[in-house]
């Protein structure tokens, strides 16, 4: 009997270790473009009217990919946007250049967009500048966080006047807006604090309609206005992540090392457990990072992750080394 119980336990552990999310070649092909937009990281998304999805990317290549897969004639820009139609798109991919042009000596990466039913809302932006530290391709540092009004009623997203978020800190970098969840009463604004070898998640809540009133922000766990009282909601995460509602619960998808983790919780400020839905090992010298979910597309759940390779010449030699990778999660591990 003990031997049977041991075998059953081992089998159950093996089953839990099996990846729940599978590669999704269909969506991979959406991003395998050879003209115009041909690769980026970031890859935040938001639902638009008429069956469209708006996508916001950070560092981007625009131009041509040669027959041998190289992109030596492509132009490099720091952010871009796209509109993709349908949950199973074919060629309906429209993209243009920067949604948030940089200021002198710095540039912007895009974070979580928020839109109401009228296709208006907010966009968090990270401001970056060159750093003397680090190897080529990694010699940058974040110098600020901004919040901008976002209007996506037309084909292209339009930003209003940017507001500096006063809660940014540089050492270690604390950046609010990595994920945002909008409820009827509150905005829940998730931050990452980057220690280099690990990232923590912090949380602010803001009464509805007051996202740009920074004096109204309150910080977990005491829900007071003192940032110094904030404590980590999670001890491990990636710099970019996704928080969304599924049924009566809240889900957070993030990446820790090679693991893509899906957390569950009953409220936006408490995540009880997680499952590893995929492992993303390094292949061909390509690193993976910042996995995110795209729940506005329905189920199966699309999960994208970023790919990159160093030195930077490697992503010029082979475009596939710097494009979103795609996974399909057939169903929520906890709910029907």
Protein backbone atom coordinates (compact mmCIF):
# COMPACT_ATOMS: atom_id res chain seq x y z
CA UNK A 1 0.00 0.00 0.00
CA UNK A 2 2.82 2.42 0.88
CA UNK A 3 4.47 1.67 -2.46
CA UNK A 4 1.21 2.43 -4.32
CA UNK A 5 0.82 5.68 -2.44
CA UNK A 6 4.39 6.65 -3.30
CA UNK A 7 3.84 5.87 -6.98
CA UNK A 8 0.61 7.88 -6.96
CA UNK A 9 2.39 10.83 -5.35
CA UNK A 10 5.20 10.74 -7.89
CA UNK A 11 2.73 10.56 -10.76
CA UNK A 12 0.78 13.53 -9.40
CA UNK A 13 3.99 15.56 -9.07
CA UNK A 14 4.96 14.64 -12.63
CA UNK A 15 1.56 15.69 -13.88
CA UNK A 16 1.86 19.04 -12.15
CA UNK A 17 5.29 19.52 -13.70
CA UNK A 18 3.93 19.05 -17.22
CA UNK A 19 3.64 22.41 -19.00
CA UNK A 20 0.04 23.59 -19.22
CA UNK A 21 0.73 26.16 -21.95
CA UNK A 22 1.85 24.95 -25.36
CA UNK A 23 3.62 26.74 -28.23
CA UNK A 24 1.17 28.55 -30.51
CA UNK A 25 2.63 28.64 -34.05
CA UNK A 26 -0.50 30.35 -35.37
CA UNK A 27 0.16 33.48 -33.32
CA UNK A 28 3.92 33.22 -33.84
CA UNK A 29 3.27 33.79 -37.54
CA UNK A 30 1.35 36.99 -36.78
CA UNK A 31 4.59 38.53 -35.52
CA UNK A 32 6.92 36.94 -38.09
CA UNK A 33 6.76 39.88 -40.47
CA UNK A 34 9.30 40.76 -43.15
CA UNK A 35 8.20 44.31 -44.02
CA UNK A 36 7.47 47.28 -41.79
CA UNK A 37 7.23 46.26 -38.14
CA UNK A 38 9.36 43.12 -37.87
CA UNK A 39 10.17 42.67 -34.19
CA UNK A 40 9.88 44.22 -30.74
CA UNK A 41 9.62 43.51 -27.05
CA UNK A 42 7.08 44.87 -24.57
CA UNK A 43 3.83 43.58 -26.15
CA UNK A 44 1.12 44.98 -23.91
CA UNK A 45 -2.40 44.78 -25.34
CA UNK A 46 -5.86 46.25 -24.79
CA UNK A 47 -9.28 45.60 -26.31
CA UNK A 48 -10.59 48.09 -28.89
CA UNK A 49 -14.00 48.43 -30.52
CA UNK A 50 -15.03 46.41 -33.55
CA UNK A 51 -13.06 43.28 -32.74
CA UNK A 52 -9.69 45.03 -32.78
CA UNK A 53 -6.89 44.71 -30.26
CA UNK A 54 -4.44 47.53 -29.65
CA UNK A 55 -0.82 46.53 -29.06
CA UNK A 56 1.96 48.62 -27.58
CA UNK A 57 5.59 47.61 -27.96
CA UNK A 58 8.87 48.94 -26.63
CA UNK A 59 12.19 48.68 -28.55
CA UNK A 60 11.18 47.96 -32.14
CA UNK A 61 12.68 47.20 -35.55
CA UNK A 62 10.95 48.64 -38.64
CA UNK A 63 12.07 47.91 -42.19
CA UNK A 64 12.79 44.82 -44.28
CA UNK A 65 13.88 41.32 -43.36
CA UNK A 66 16.00 39.68 -46.04
CA UNK A 67 15.43 36.21 -47.46
CA UNK A 68 18.17 34.85 -45.19
CA UNK A 69 16.28 36.12 -42.10
CA UNK A 70 18.57 39.08 -41.36
CA UNK A 71 17.29 42.61 -40.68
CA UNK A 72 20.38 44.69 -41.42
CA UNK A 73 18.35 47.31 -43.33
CA UNK A 74 15.84 47.83 -40.49
CA UNK A 75 15.50 51.02 -38.45
CA UNK A 76 15.53 50.88 -34.65
CA UNK A 77 12.94 52.88 -32.68
CA UNK A 78 12.09 52.83 -28.96
CA UNK A 79 8.36 52.12 -29.06
CA UNK A 80 5.60 51.33 -31.52
CA UNK A 81 1.92 50.46 -31.76
CA UNK A 82 -0.22 48.07 -33.77
CA UNK A 83 -3.86 47.19 -34.36
CA UNK A 84 -4.67 43.52 -34.94
CA UNK A 85 -8.14 42.34 -35.90
CA UNK A 86 -9.81 39.28 -34.46
CA UNK A 87 -8.70 36.61 -32.03
CA UNK A 88 -7.36 34.47 -34.90
CA UNK A 89 -5.84 37.06 -37.22
CA UNK A 90 -4.37 36.40 -40.64
CA UNK A 91 -2.84 39.46 -42.32
CA UNK A 92 -4.76 42.13 -40.41
CA UNK A 93 -1.76 43.72 -38.73
CA UNK A 94 -1.34 47.47 -38.97
CA UNK A 95 1.55 49.25 -37.31
CA UNK A 96 3.30 52.56 -37.37
CA UNK A 97 6.17 54.20 -35.58
CA UNK A 98 6.55 55.73 -32.14
CA UNK A 99 3.49 56.38 -30.03
CA UNK A 100 5.64 58.20 -27.43
CA UNK A 101 8.62 60.04 -28.94
CA UNK A 102 11.47 60.50 -26.51
CA UNK A 103 12.75 63.70 -25.02
CA UNK A 104 16.30 64.94 -25.57
CA UNK A 105 18.73 62.31 -24.31
CA UNK A 106 16.07 59.83 -23.16
CA UNK A 107 13.37 57.55 -24.54
CA UNK A 108 10.18 55.82 -23.45
CA UNK A 109 9.13 52.23 -23.04
CA UNK A 110 5.43 51.50 -22.86
CA UNK A 111 3.63 49.77 -20.03
CA UNK A 112 0.02 48.96 -19.28
CA UNK A 113 -2.68 50.81 -21.30
CA UNK A 114 -6.11 51.39 -19.74
CA UNK A 115 -9.23 52.20 -21.78
CA UNK A 116 -12.86 52.69 -20.83
CA UNK A 117 -15.80 51.78 -23.06
CA UNK A 118 -15.30 55.07 -24.88
CA UNK A 119 -11.75 54.03 -25.84
CA UNK A 120 -10.17 56.70 -23.66
CA UNK A 121 -7.97 56.19 -20.64
CA UNK A 122 -4.34 56.17 -19.54
CA UNK A 123 -0.93 54.82 -20.42
CA UNK A 124 2.07 54.36 -18.12
CA UNK A 125 5.49 55.06 -19.63
CA UNK A 126 8.98 54.32 -18.38
CA UNK A 127 11.64 56.91 -19.19
CA UNK A 128 15.13 55.55 -19.87
CA UNK A 129 18.56 56.99 -20.59
CA UNK A 130 21.98 55.64 -21.45
CA UNK A 131 24.09 54.42 -18.54
CA UNK A 132 27.89 54.09 -18.45
CA UNK A 133 27.45 50.70 -16.78
CA UNK A 134 26.74 47.40 -18.45
CA UNK A 135 27.69 45.82 -21.80
CA UNK A 136 26.45 47.10 -25.15
CA UNK A 137 22.72 46.58 -25.41
CA UNK A 138 22.29 46.62 -21.63
CA UNK A 139 23.85 50.01 -20.87
CA UNK A 140 20.66 51.82 -19.90
CA UNK A 141 18.82 52.83 -16.74
CA UNK A 142 15.33 53.98 -15.89
CA UNK A 143 15.18 57.63 -14.90
CA UNK A 144 11.45 58.16 -14.45
CA UNK A 145 7.86 56.98 -14.76
CA UNK A 146 5.13 58.97 -16.50
CA UNK A 147 1.36 58.77 -16.86
CA UNK A 148 -0.28 60.05 -20.05
CA UNK A 149 -3.92 60.37 -21.14
CA UNK A 150 -4.60 57.84 -23.91
CA UNK A 151 -7.19 58.25 -26.68
CA UNK A 152 -7.61 55.28 -29.03
CA UNK A 153 -10.92 56.19 -30.68
CA UNK A 154 -9.20 56.45 -34.06
CA UNK A 155 -6.86 54.05 -35.79
CA UNK A 156 -3.77 55.40 -34.03
CA UNK A 157 -3.36 55.92 -30.28
CA UNK A 158 -2.96 59.53 -29.21
CA UNK A 159 -1.31 60.67 -26.00
CA UNK A 160 -2.09 63.80 -24.02
CA UNK A 161 0.25 65.73 -21.75
CA UNK A 162 2.49 63.42 -19.74
CA UNK A 163 2.49 63.65 -15.94
CA UNK A 164 5.53 62.57 -13.96
CA UNK A 165 4.68 59.87 -11.42
CA UNK A 166 6.30 61.06 -8.17
CA UNK A 167 6.71 57.56 -6.74
CA UNK A 168 9.49 56.48 -9.10
CA UNK A 169 12.74 55.58 -7.34
CA UNK A 170 16.02 54.87 -9.10
CA UNK A 171 18.00 52.70 -6.65
CA UNK A 172 16.65 50.08 -6.67
CA UNK A 173 14.38 51.06 -9.55
CA UNK A 174 10.74 51.26 -8.45
CA UNK A 175 8.32 51.61 -11.35
CA UNK A 176 4.52 51.83 -11.05
CA UNK A 177 2.39 50.80 -14.03
CA UNK A 178 3.89 47.39 -14.84
CA UNK A 179 0.27 46.18 -14.63
CA UNK A 180 -3.01 47.91 -13.83
CA UNK A 181 -6.44 46.49 -13.00
CA UNK A 182 -9.51 48.72 -13.23
CA UNK A 183 -12.47 47.98 -10.96
CA UNK A 184 -15.60 50.10 -10.44
CA UNK A 185 -14.24 51.66 -7.24
CA UNK A 186 -10.45 51.51 -7.63
CA UNK A 187 -7.52 51.36 -9.98
CA UNK A 188 -5.00 48.80 -8.75
CA UNK A 189 -1.53 49.88 -9.91
CA UNK A 190 1.22 47.27 -9.67
CA UNK A 191 4.87 48.26 -9.41
CA UNK A 192 8.11 46.34 -9.77
CA UNK A 193 11.16 47.03 -7.63
CA UNK A 194 14.22 45.79 -9.48
CA UNK A 195 17.16 44.57 -7.38
CA UNK A 196 18.91 43.09 -10.40
CA UNK A 197 18.96 39.48 -9.26
CA UNK A 198 15.26 39.59 -8.36
CA UNK A 199 12.19 41.80 -8.70
CA UNK A 200 9.48 42.48 -6.14
CA UNK A 201 5.89 43.54 -6.75
CA UNK A 202 4.37 46.47 -4.84
CA UNK A 203 0.79 47.69 -5.09
CA UNK A 204 -1.05 51.02 -4.97
CA UNK A 205 -4.79 51.58 -5.10
CA UNK A 206 -6.41 54.76 -6.37
CA UNK A 207 -10.09 55.76 -6.20
CA UNK A 208 -11.80 55.61 -9.58
CA UNK A 209 -11.44 58.81 -11.57
CA UNK A 210 -8.39 59.95 -9.61
CA UNK A 211 -5.52 58.07 -11.23
CA UNK A 212 -3.77 61.34 -12.03
CA UNK A 213 -4.32 62.67 -8.48
CA UNK A 214 -1.15 61.28 -6.95
CA UNK A 215 -2.03 62.50 -3.47
CA UNK A 216 -4.93 60.01 -3.54
CA UNK A 217 -2.69 56.98 -4.04
CA UNK A 218 -2.57 54.50 -1.15
CA UNK A 219 -0.03 51.72 -0.71
CA UNK A 220 -0.36 48.11 0.38
CA UNK A 221 -0.59 46.68 3.02
CA UNK A 222 -1.69 49.53 5.32
CA UNK A 223 -3.45 51.55 2.60
CA UNK A 224 -1.97 54.83 3.67
CA UNK A 225 -0.32 57.54 1.57
CA UNK A 226 3.25 56.86 2.72
CA UNK A 227 5.28 55.03 0.08
CA UNK A 228 7.87 54.15 2.73
CA UNK A 229 5.27 51.96 4.43
CA UNK A 230 4.75 49.84 1.29
CA UNK A 231 5.76 46.19 1.49
CA UNK A 232 6.21 43.59 -1.27
CA UNK A 233 3.04 41.89 -2.40
CA UNK A 234 5.17 39.27 -4.17
CA UNK A 235 8.87 38.57 -3.66
CA UNK A 236 9.51 37.34 -7.22
CA UNK A 237 8.29 38.60 -10.57
CA UNK A 238 9.43 40.14 -13.84
CA UNK A 239 9.58 43.82 -14.77
CA UNK A 240 6.42 43.51 -16.88
CA UNK A 241 3.37 41.41 -16.00
CA UNK A 242 -0.39 41.08 -16.42
CA UNK A 243 -3.24 41.19 -13.90
CA UNK A 244 -6.80 40.36 -14.99
CA UNK A 245 -10.10 39.06 -13.70
CA UNK A 246 -11.29 35.57 -14.53
CA UNK A 247 -14.67 34.63 -13.13
CA UNK A 248 -14.87 35.76 -9.52
CA UNK A 249 -11.10 35.64 -9.01
CA UNK A 250 -8.02 37.61 -10.03
CA UNK A 251 -5.12 36.23 -12.04
CA UNK A 252 -1.56 37.50 -12.32
CA UNK A 253 0.77 36.18 -15.00
CA UNK A 254 4.49 36.85 -14.68
CA UNK A 255 7.83 35.24 -15.43
CA UNK A 256 10.48 34.26 -12.89
CA UNK A 257 13.65 32.97 -14.50
CA UNK A 258 12.50 30.44 -17.08
CA UNK A 259 9.14 29.85 -15.36
CA UNK A 260 5.91 31.40 -16.58
CA UNK A 261 3.75 31.58 -13.46
CA UNK A 262 0.00 32.07 -13.18
CA UNK A 263 -1.17 33.27 -9.76
CA UNK A 264 -4.70 33.23 -8.38
CA UNK A 265 -6.38 35.36 -5.74
CA UNK A 266 -9.82 36.38 -4.55
CA UNK A 267 -8.89 40.06 -4.44
CA UNK A 268 -6.35 42.20 -6.32
CA UNK A 269 -4.19 42.56 -3.19
CA UNK A 270 -3.80 38.90 -2.25
CA UNK A 271 -2.52 36.02 -4.38
CA UNK A 272 -2.83 32.66 -2.68
CA UNK A 273 -0.92 30.28 -4.95
CA UNK A 274 0.53 29.81 -8.40
CA UNK A 275 1.13 27.15 -11.01
CA UNK A 276 3.99 27.07 -13.51
CA UNK A 277 2.25 26.97 -16.88
CA UNK A 278 5.43 26.85 -18.99
CA UNK A 279 9.22 26.69 -18.88
CA UNK A 280 11.10 28.86 -21.39
CA UNK A 281 14.65 27.53 -21.64
CA UNK A 282 17.32 29.48 -23.49
CA UNK A 283 17.80 28.19 -27.04
CA UNK A 284 20.22 29.41 -29.69
CA UNK A 285 21.57 31.90 -27.15
CA UNK A 286 18.18 33.64 -27.01
CA UNK A 287 16.98 34.87 -23.61
CA UNK A 288 13.27 35.05 -22.74
CA UNK A 289 11.68 37.56 -20.38
CA UNK A 290 8.54 39.48 -19.36
CA UNK A 291 5.81 36.98 -20.27
CA UNK A 292 2.33 38.55 -20.39
CA UNK A 293 -1.26 37.41 -20.90
CA UNK A 294 -3.81 38.85 -23.33
CA UNK A 295 -7.22 38.00 -21.83
CA UNK A 296 -9.17 40.40 -24.05
CA UNK A 297 -8.71 37.83 -26.85
CA UNK A 298 -10.63 35.18 -24.93
CA UNK A 299 -9.65 31.56 -24.47
CA UNK A 300 -7.42 29.73 -25.21
CA UNK A 301 -5.42 32.41 -23.42
CA UNK A 302 -2.66 33.95 -25.52
CA UNK A 303 0.60 34.35 -23.60
CA UNK A 304 3.45 36.24 -25.21
CA UNK A 305 7.04 36.46 -24.05
CA UNK A 306 9.95 38.57 -25.22
CA UNK A 307 13.09 37.21 -26.87
CA UNK A 308 16.50 38.83 -27.18
CA UNK A 309 20.12 37.88 -27.80
CA UNK A 310 23.49 39.49 -27.15
CA UNK A 311 25.62 41.00 -28.49
CA UNK A 312 23.08 43.10 -30.44
CA UNK A 313 24.51 41.97 -33.78
CA UNK A 314 22.86 38.59 -33.24
CA UNK A 315 19.33 40.00 -33.52
CA UNK A 316 20.36 41.72 -36.75
CA UNK A 317 21.60 38.44 -38.18
CA UNK A 318 18.37 36.56 -37.40
CA UNK A 319 15.08 38.39 -36.95
CA UNK A 320 13.45 35.53 -35.01
CA UNK A 321 15.85 36.19 -32.13
CA UNK A 322 13.99 39.43 -31.38
CA UNK A 323 10.26 38.89 -31.73
CA UNK A 324 7.42 37.93 -29.39
CA UNK A 325 7.04 34.21 -28.80
CA UNK A 326 3.54 32.84 -28.26
CA UNK A 327 1.94 30.21 -26.04
CA UNK A 328 -1.60 28.87 -25.79
CA UNK A 329 -3.16 28.12 -22.39
CA UNK A 330 -6.27 26.03 -23.08
CA UNK A 331 -8.06 26.81 -19.82
CA UNK A 332 -7.59 28.27 -16.39
CA UNK A 333 -5.94 25.60 -14.20
CA UNK A 334 -8.41 26.21 -11.34
CA UNK A 335 -11.73 27.01 -13.02
CA UNK A 336 -13.92 25.36 -15.68
